[in-house]
Each structure stands twice: as C-alpha cells, then as structure tokens.
Amino acid sequence: MNPASDVQVDVIILSWNRPDDTIAAIASAAEQEGVVQRILIVDQGSEADNLCQLEAYLAGVPNATLNKLGRNSGVAGGRNIASAMGRAPIIVALDSDAIFADCHVLAVAVAHLDSHPELCAIGFRIDNYYTGENDATAWDYPPGCRPDTGFPTTRFMGGGHALRRSVFEAVGAYDDRLFFCGEEVDLCYRMLNTGYRIAYVPEVAIRHKSSPEERVVWGRGRYYYTVRNNLYSAYKFGTPLPRLLLGASAFVVRGVRNRVLPSALRGLVDALGMCRAYRQGLNLEKRNGGFGNPVYALNRETRRYIRQCEPTRQEPLFAKVLRQFTRLPN
C-alpha cells in the first residue's frame, strides 16, 4: 500500500484535562508525513491550568485549531463540532490518550480509502501503548475476528478511525443525543445504508494508553448509556416492538446479574423518553410534508450485509437468552 502524497486530512481530537496525553496525541498528528493535515481540537471543559498548558503548546503548532467549549458535549457532540471545523475530504479521529503508531499512518489510511472507493470508513488497529498487544478495551468485533487480519465490518472503534466526509455529512453526522456509547454503530449503520461499506485495516495502527490492569466500571454510567442508547438506536432503525421488549428484558436480567440494576432501569426510562421525542419529531416532519428519516430505514442489502458481518444476530433465541446471564466484560 503506497502512502498518499498531499491529500488533505482533518484530524479531530477531543480534549478534557490530561494535557500531557493530549499534547502527545497532537504531536503525533503533527508529525505525520505524506498528507496535508489540520489538527482540530475541541476542549470539553478542562480545568484552567490544564487548558493553559494545552494552549501554550498549541502556540507552536500552526496547523492546529482549538475550540474551547467550556462544557462536556459528549463524544458524539464533540466529534460533530470538531468535524465541522474542517473541510478536508477525510476525517480521522484520534483519542486524546493515543498516538499514531508511526509517521505514515495517515498517508496509509488515505491510500487505502483511495484504492477502495466502496469504503466510507476504516477502523484502525488499536494496540495497548504499554504492552504492544491488542487493546482488549477497544475491541468490539464479532467472535472469530483477529486484530492482525483485515475484514469487512459494520463498525469501527472510536479511538482510531477514518471517515469520508461526504458520506458522514450526507447521513447527518453523529446523533449527539447519544452523548457517549454506541454512537459509532448508530452512525455506521446509516452510512452502510447508502451502499458504502466499512473495513477493519490492521496496517493502520494507533497505540492507546490503556493500563494493562484497567477495568470497565459499569455502574458509573457505562451500563446506563449502554441500555439507553442501544434501545434508542434500535427504535430509530425500526426494530419491532416485541424485539425491543425482549431486548429491554435482557438488559434488566443482565443488570441484576451484574449488580447494576438501577443503571438498567434508568436507561430503560430515559430510552423511552428519547424514543417518544424521536417519534414526535418524525410525525411533525411528516405533517409538514416530509418523509421521515430515510437513513434509518435499512434496505434489504444493508440488512444482509449486517447479518453476514455479525453472526451473533443469527443465534438461536435460547443462546441469546443464556448470554444475558454472563458477567459483563472487564
């Protein structure tokens, strides 16, 4: 795969405290060769001292722009704001606690998209910064997929990925109501519905500063957002009511099993409110002569592709029920 030469790329980074890590991420982006990159940083309410440290560093990075929000707009909202700051045909997202594996990552990513016009996005390989091994905390692909082998997929991991701006904007960008968790899948399904495809490309790699012993604390909001956002997105994509009820029940069962039932119940209640608001918005649009939101009406070919890439969707119902009694991953 030959690196690109002078294609423009917008690198978006969300900042919230951790100035040393954020500066390292920006430096990694600034050192990329073979492309013309702009580095677009959105700070989501960092403390004053941390923000001053970041601004002092950026004074010496001419191709970087900082937007100081003064508040946390969430992952989805922050990425939308950062993306809107640029105009390059390729958008690359990098977590603030990650760096590119080498100085040619952007060029290789662009070259891959150039040679595969059917792709609207690619997911990067995400290695643990400290161990050099695959970062299990940033791996959410189906069983059987390997981090050292490329494959077609329905999603990318948020920590490192590249998007075609034209497709990203055509489907309405991220749904910023999701705030955090599941925003990538919600976007990816809509992009797939335009006829484009997504691939995991291990030749394009980042290194994520995830501690080897890091654990996911589900009771501190993550399970709440998992429940709320999954049900809300499923509703938008037209999942039948019986399956939504079954999914809600499964989340409750798993919440009991993992001692996060309050999070599950709060997620259910808030998902119901979000679904109701979404339906009211669609009804209002239709009364005004619109046609609803066609990007959420998955066509037959898109559904076939999703089933092909996500074999667990074809599991027997009994197997799916049993899975709800397992422990949540750490």
Protein backbone atom coordinates (compact mmCIF):
# COMPACT_ATOMS: atom_id res chain seq x y z
CA MET A 1 0.00 0.00 0.00
CA ASN A 2 1.69 3.20 -1.16
CA PRO A 3 1.29 6.29 1.04
CA ALA A 4 -0.71 9.22 -0.30
CA SER A 5 1.14 12.39 -1.18
CA ASP A 6 -0.66 15.64 -0.42
CA VAL A 7 -4.28 14.74 0.30
CA GLN A 8 -5.91 16.94 2.93
CA VAL A 9 -6.93 15.27 6.19
CA ASP A 10 -8.70 16.67 9.24
CA VAL A 11 -7.53 15.02 12.47
CA ILE A 12 -10.07 15.53 15.25
CA ILE A 13 -9.16 15.18 18.94
CA LEU A 14 -11.41 15.71 21.94
CA SER A 15 -9.68 17.17 24.99
CA TRP A 16 -10.76 17.00 28.61
CA ASN A 17 -7.95 17.51 31.13
CA ARG A 18 -5.00 15.05 30.77
CA PRO A 19 -2.93 17.76 28.98
CA ASP A 20 0.24 15.65 28.71
CA ASP A 21 -1.58 12.85 26.90
CA THR A 22 -3.47 15.30 24.70
CA ILE A 23 -0.28 17.10 23.74
CA ALA A 24 1.34 13.78 22.83
CA ALA A 25 -1.65 12.95 20.60
CA ILE A 26 -1.43 16.34 18.87
CA ALA A 27 2.34 15.97 18.39
CA SER A 28 1.78 12.55 16.86
CA ALA A 29 -0.69 14.06 14.39
CA ALA A 30 1.61 16.97 13.57
CA GLU A 31 4.48 14.57 12.74
CA GLN A 32 2.51 12.70 10.08
CA GLU A 33 4.10 12.71 6.62
CA GLY A 34 2.69 12.41 3.10
CA VAL A 35 -0.56 14.32 3.75
CA VAL A 36 -1.63 17.89 4.46
CA GLN A 37 -3.23 17.64 7.87
CA ARG A 38 -5.16 20.06 10.02
CA ILE A 39 -5.49 19.18 13.69
CA LEU A 40 -8.85 20.20 15.14
CA ILE A 41 -9.12 20.03 18.93
CA VAL A 42 -12.32 20.51 20.90
CA ASP A 43 -11.79 21.06 24.61
CA GLN A 44 -14.79 19.98 26.64
CA GLY A 45 -14.32 21.95 29.83
CA SER A 46 -10.80 21.22 31.04
CA GLU A 47 -9.64 22.85 34.27
CA ALA A 48 -7.98 26.24 33.81
CA ASP A 49 -4.40 25.09 34.48
CA ASN A 50 -4.72 22.15 32.09
CA LEU A 51 -6.20 24.36 29.40
CA CYS A 52 -3.39 26.89 29.76
CA GLN A 53 -0.83 24.13 29.32
CA LEU A 54 -2.58 22.96 26.17
CA GLU A 55 -2.84 26.47 24.73
CA ALA A 56 0.84 27.17 25.41
CA TYR A 57 1.82 24.08 23.42
CA LEU A 58 -0.56 24.84 20.55
CA ALA A 59 1.05 28.26 20.09
CA GLY A 60 3.85 26.38 18.33
CA VAL A 61 1.63 24.18 16.14
CA PRO A 62 0.48 26.34 13.21
CA ASN A 63 -1.79 23.72 11.64
CA ALA A 64 -3.78 23.14 14.85
CA THR A 65 -7.02 24.87 15.89
CA LEU A 66 -8.53 24.78 19.37
CA ASN A 67 -12.22 25.25 20.15
CA LYS A 68 -12.81 25.86 23.87
CA LEU A 69 -16.37 24.76 24.62
CA GLY A 70 -16.25 25.18 28.38
CA ARG A 71 -18.60 22.19 28.78
CA ASN A 72 -18.80 18.49 28.02
CA SER A 73 -20.85 17.94 24.87
CA GLY A 74 -20.21 14.19 24.88
CA VAL A 75 -18.25 12.08 22.44
CA ALA A 76 -20.84 12.28 19.67
CA GLY A 77 -21.42 16.01 20.03
CA GLY A 78 -17.73 16.78 20.39
CA ARG A 79 -16.82 14.87 17.23
CA ASN A 80 -19.55 16.67 15.29
CA ILE A 81 -18.22 20.04 16.44
CA ALA A 82 -14.62 19.11 15.65
CA SER A 83 -15.53 17.72 12.22
CA ALA A 84 -17.47 20.88 11.33
CA MET A 85 -14.32 22.93 12.00
CA GLY A 86 -12.69 21.46 8.86
CA ARG A 87 -13.42 20.78 5.20
CA ALA A 88 -10.97 18.02 4.26
CA PRO A 89 -12.45 15.03 2.41
CA ILE A 90 -11.07 12.61 5.02
CA ILE A 91 -11.76 12.89 8.75
CA VAL A 92 -9.54 10.93 11.15
CA ALA A 93 -10.47 10.65 14.83
CA LEU A 94 -7.80 10.01 17.44
CA ASP A 95 -8.40 9.58 21.16
CA SER A 96 -6.59 12.12 23.32
CA ASP A 97 -4.78 9.31 25.16
CA ALA A 98 -3.48 7.67 21.97
CA ILE A 99 -0.78 8.30 19.38
CA PHE A 100 -0.28 7.15 15.81
CA ALA A 101 1.95 4.09 15.56
CA ASP A 102 4.36 5.83 13.16
CA CYS A 103 4.60 8.93 10.97
CA HIS A 104 2.93 7.31 7.93
CA VAL A 105 -0.39 6.23 9.45
CA LEU A 106 -2.47 9.00 7.89
CA ALA A 107 -0.92 8.50 4.47
CA VAL A 108 -1.55 4.76 4.56
CA ALA A 109 -5.15 5.31 5.69
CA VAL A 110 -5.78 7.73 2.82
CA ALA A 111 -4.14 5.38 0.32
CA HIS A 112 -6.38 2.54 1.47
CA LEU A 113 -9.52 4.63 1.04
CA ASP A 114 -8.30 5.81 -2.38
CA SER A 115 -7.79 2.24 -3.55
CA HIS A 116 -11.14 1.08 -2.12
CA PRO A 117 -13.78 3.57 -3.30
CA GLU A 118 -16.55 1.35 -1.92
CA LEU A 119 -15.45 2.11 1.64
CA CYS A 120 -16.88 5.04 3.61
CA ALA A 121 -14.81 4.30 6.72
CA ILE A 122 -11.98 2.18 8.05
CA GLY A 123 -11.26 1.07 11.59
CA PHE A 124 -7.66 1.20 12.80
CA ARG A 125 -5.77 -1.42 14.74
CA ILE A 126 -5.60 -0.26 18.37
CA ASP A 127 -2.66 -1.60 20.35
CA ASN A 128 -2.01 -1.16 24.04
CA TYR A 129 0.65 1.55 24.39
CA TYR A 130 2.40 -0.27 27.23
CA THR A 131 2.31 -3.89 26.08
CA GLY A 132 2.20 -3.60 22.28
CA GLU A 133 -0.60 -6.17 22.21
CA ASN A 134 -4.16 -5.71 21.01
CA ASP A 135 -6.08 -3.37 23.32
CA ALA A 136 -8.96 -5.53 24.53
CA THR A 137 -10.75 -2.48 25.95
CA ALA A 138 -11.06 -1.11 22.40
CA TRP A 139 -12.11 -4.31 20.63
CA ASP A 140 -15.79 -4.83 19.84
CA TYR A 141 -15.79 -7.02 16.77
CA PRO A 142 -17.57 -10.39 16.38
CA PRO A 143 -16.02 -13.66 17.60
CA GLY A 144 -13.51 -15.09 15.15
CA CYS A 145 -12.18 -11.71 14.00
CA ARG A 146 -8.46 -11.25 14.63
CA PRO A 147 -6.62 -7.97 15.25
CA ASP A 148 -3.84 -8.85 12.79
CA THR A 149 -6.19 -9.66 9.89
CA GLY A 150 -8.39 -7.27 7.92
CA PHE A 151 -12.08 -7.97 7.45
CA PRO A 152 -15.34 -6.33 6.34
CA THR A 153 -17.28 -4.97 9.28
CA THR A 154 -20.31 -2.95 10.31
CA ARG A 155 -18.44 -0.65 12.69
CA PHE A 156 -15.19 0.91 13.77
CA MET A 157 -13.81 1.66 17.21
CA GLY A 158 -13.98 5.31 18.17
CA GLY A 159 -10.38 5.59 19.38
CA GLY A 160 -8.95 5.50 15.86
CA HIS A 161 -10.78 5.57 12.54
CA ALA A 162 -11.08 7.40 9.22
CA LEU A 163 -14.26 8.63 7.51
CA ARG A 164 -15.20 10.01 4.12
CA ARG A 165 -16.61 13.42 4.96
CA SER A 166 -19.12 13.30 2.10
CA VAL A 167 -20.84 10.20 3.48
CA PHE A 168 -20.53 11.30 7.10
CA GLU A 169 -22.32 14.57 6.36
CA ALA A 170 -24.86 13.02 3.97
CA VAL A 171 -26.31 10.84 6.77
CA GLY A 172 -26.43 13.63 9.33
CA ALA A 173 -23.18 13.02 11.26
CA TYR A 174 -23.35 11.56 14.79
CA ASP A 175 -26.58 11.66 16.75
CA ASP A 176 -25.34 13.90 19.57
CA ARG A 177 -28.27 12.82 21.78
CA LEU A 178 -26.35 9.58 22.35
CA PHE A 179 -23.64 11.56 24.17
CA PHE A 180 -21.48 8.51 24.87
CA CYS A 181 -21.57 4.79 23.98
CA GLY A 182 -22.93 3.27 20.79
CA GLU A 183 -22.58 6.43 18.69
CA GLU A 184 -20.26 4.71 16.21
CA VAL A 185 -22.66 1.86 15.41
CA ASP A 186 -25.58 4.28 15.05
CA LEU A 187 -23.55 6.28 12.50
CA CYS A 188 -22.12 3.24 10.73
CA TYR A 189 -25.50 1.61 10.07
CA ARG A 190 -26.71 4.83 8.45
CA MET A 191 -23.58 5.06 6.28
CA LEU A 192 -23.91 1.41 5.27
CA ASN A 193 -27.45 2.15 4.18
CA THR A 194 -26.09 4.47 1.47
CA GLY A 195 -24.40 1.49 -0.21
CA TYR A 196 -20.88 2.10 1.10
CA ARG A 197 -19.02 -0.46 3.21
CA ILE A 198 -16.62 -0.42 6.19
CA ALA A 199 -13.41 -2.38 6.78
CA TYR A 200 -11.04 -3.06 9.64
CA VAL A 201 -7.49 -2.36 8.40
CA PRO A 202 -4.70 -3.57 10.73
CA GLU A 203 -1.99 -1.88 8.64
CA VAL A 204 -3.30 1.43 10.02
CA ALA A 205 -2.49 1.42 13.73
CA ILE A 206 -2.54 3.59 16.82
CA ARG A 207 -1.22 2.98 20.34
CA HIS A 208 -3.70 3.56 23.13
CA LYS A 209 -2.55 4.38 26.66
CA SER A 210 -4.81 1.88 28.32
CA SER A 211 -3.37 0.49 31.54
CA PRO A 212 -2.82 -3.31 31.38
CA GLU A 213 -4.96 -3.73 34.50
CA GLU A 214 -7.61 -1.19 33.51
CA ARG A 215 -11.18 -2.25 34.31
CA VAL A 216 -14.52 -1.04 32.99
CA VAL A 217 -16.71 0.24 35.85
CA TRP A 218 -20.21 -0.45 34.54
CA GLY A 219 -22.01 1.10 37.50
CA ARG A 220 -20.61 4.59 36.86
CA GLY A 221 -22.73 5.41 33.85
CA ARG A 222 -21.49 2.96 31.24
CA TYR A 223 -24.27 0.41 31.69
CA TYR A 224 -26.87 3.20 31.82
CA TYR A 225 -25.69 4.58 28.47
CA THR A 226 -25.37 1.06 27.03
CA VAL A 227 -29.02 0.30 27.83
CA ARG A 228 -30.41 3.71 26.90
CA ASN A 229 -28.52 4.14 23.64
CA ASN A 230 -28.95 0.58 22.38
CA LEU A 231 -32.72 0.70 22.80
CA TYR A 232 -32.99 4.21 21.37
CA SER A 233 -30.90 3.35 18.29
CA ALA A 234 -32.79 0.08 17.76
CA TYR A 235 -36.06 2.03 17.83
CA LYS A 236 -34.79 4.51 15.22
CA PHE A 237 -33.81 1.66 12.92
CA GLY A 238 -37.32 0.20 13.07
CA THR A 239 -36.84 -2.77 15.40
CA PRO A 240 -40.28 -4.34 16.02
CA LEU A 241 -41.85 -3.73 19.44
CA PRO A 242 -41.66 -7.41 20.58
CA ARG A 243 -37.91 -7.46 19.95
CA LEU A 244 -37.47 -4.13 21.73
CA LEU A 245 -39.32 -5.51 24.75
CA LEU A 246 -37.20 -8.66 24.67
CA GLY A 247 -34.04 -6.55 24.49
CA ALA A 248 -35.18 -4.39 27.39
CA SER A 249 -35.89 -7.51 29.46
CA ALA A 250 -32.45 -8.89 28.63
CA PHE A 251 -30.79 -5.68 29.81
CA VAL A 252 -32.69 -5.90 33.09
CA VAL A 253 -31.67 -9.55 33.60
CA ARG A 254 -28.05 -8.71 32.91
CA GLY A 255 -28.29 -5.71 35.20
CA VAL A 256 -29.46 -7.96 38.04
CA ARG A 257 -26.73 -10.49 37.30
CA ASN A 258 -24.05 -7.80 37.42
CA ARG A 259 -25.48 -5.73 40.28
CA VAL A 260 -26.20 -2.68 38.13
CA LEU A 261 -30.00 -2.92 38.08
CA PRO A 262 -30.54 0.79 38.94
CA SER A 263 -28.47 1.74 35.89
CA ALA A 264 -30.54 -0.61 33.72
CA LEU A 265 -33.84 0.80 34.96
CA ARG A 266 -32.72 4.41 34.50
CA GLY A 267 -31.56 3.53 31.00
CA LEU A 268 -34.95 1.99 30.16
CA VAL A 269 -36.89 5.01 31.37
CA ASP A 270 -34.72 7.52 29.54
CA ALA A 271 -34.70 5.41 26.36
CA LEU A 272 -38.49 5.52 26.39
CA GLY A 273 -38.44 9.31 26.60
CA MET A 274 -35.91 9.60 23.76
CA CYS A 275 -37.92 7.24 21.54
CA ARG A 276 -41.09 9.22 22.21
CA ALA A 277 -39.35 12.51 21.33
CA TYR A 278 -37.92 10.98 18.15
CA ARG A 279 -41.36 9.73 17.09
CA GLN A 280 -42.91 13.14 17.75
CA GLY A 281 -40.21 14.75 15.60
CA LEU A 282 -40.92 12.36 12.73
CA ASN A 283 -44.65 12.95 12.96
CA LEU A 284 -44.14 16.70 12.89
CA GLU A 285 -41.89 16.41 9.85
CA LYS A 286 -44.46 14.28 8.02
CA ARG A 287 -47.24 16.76 8.80
CA ASN A 288 -45.06 19.42 7.20
CA GLY A 289 -44.74 17.38 4.03
CA GLY A 290 -41.50 15.48 4.79
CA PHE A 291 -40.81 11.77 4.50
CA GLY A 292 -39.39 10.95 7.92
CA ASN A 293 -35.74 9.96 8.16
CA PRO A 294 -34.87 7.54 5.32
CA VAL A 295 -31.30 6.90 6.53
CA TYR A 296 -32.78 4.82 9.38
CA ALA A 297 -34.91 2.64 7.08
CA LEU A 298 -32.36 -0.11 6.43
CA ASN A 299 -32.73 -1.62 2.99
CA ARG A 300 -32.56 -5.33 2.24
CA GLU A 301 -28.94 -5.30 1.06
CA THR A 302 -27.80 -3.42 4.16
CA ARG A 303 -29.59 -5.89 6.43
CA ARG A 304 -28.00 -8.79 4.56
CA TYR A 305 -24.55 -7.25 4.96
CA ILE A 306 -25.11 -6.68 8.70
CA ARG A 307 -26.22 -10.29 9.21
CA GLN A 308 -23.19 -11.52 7.29
CA CYS A 309 -20.75 -9.47 9.39
CA GLU A 310 -22.46 -10.06 12.74
CA PRO A 311 -23.09 -13.82 13.08
CA THR A 312 -24.46 -13.49 16.62
CA ARG A 313 -27.57 -11.92 15.09
CA GLN A 314 -28.41 -15.38 13.73
CA GLU A 315 -28.00 -17.20 17.05
CA PRO A 316 -30.99 -19.19 18.36
CA LEU A 317 -33.12 -17.30 20.86
CA PHE A 318 -32.09 -19.67 23.68
CA ALA A 319 -28.40 -18.87 23.12
CA LYS A 320 -29.12 -15.14 23.23
CA VAL A 321 -31.03 -15.51 26.49
CA LEU A 322 -28.21 -17.52 28.08
CA ARG A 323 -25.74 -14.77 27.19
CA GLN A 324 -27.59 -12.34 29.42
CA PHE A 325 -26.60 -14.35 32.49
CA THR A 326 -22.89 -13.91 31.83
CA ARG A 327 -20.74 -11.35 33.55
CA LEU A 328 -20.14 -8.04 31.80
CA PRO A 329 -16.57 -7.87 30.41
CA ASN A 330 -13.99 -6.01 32.44
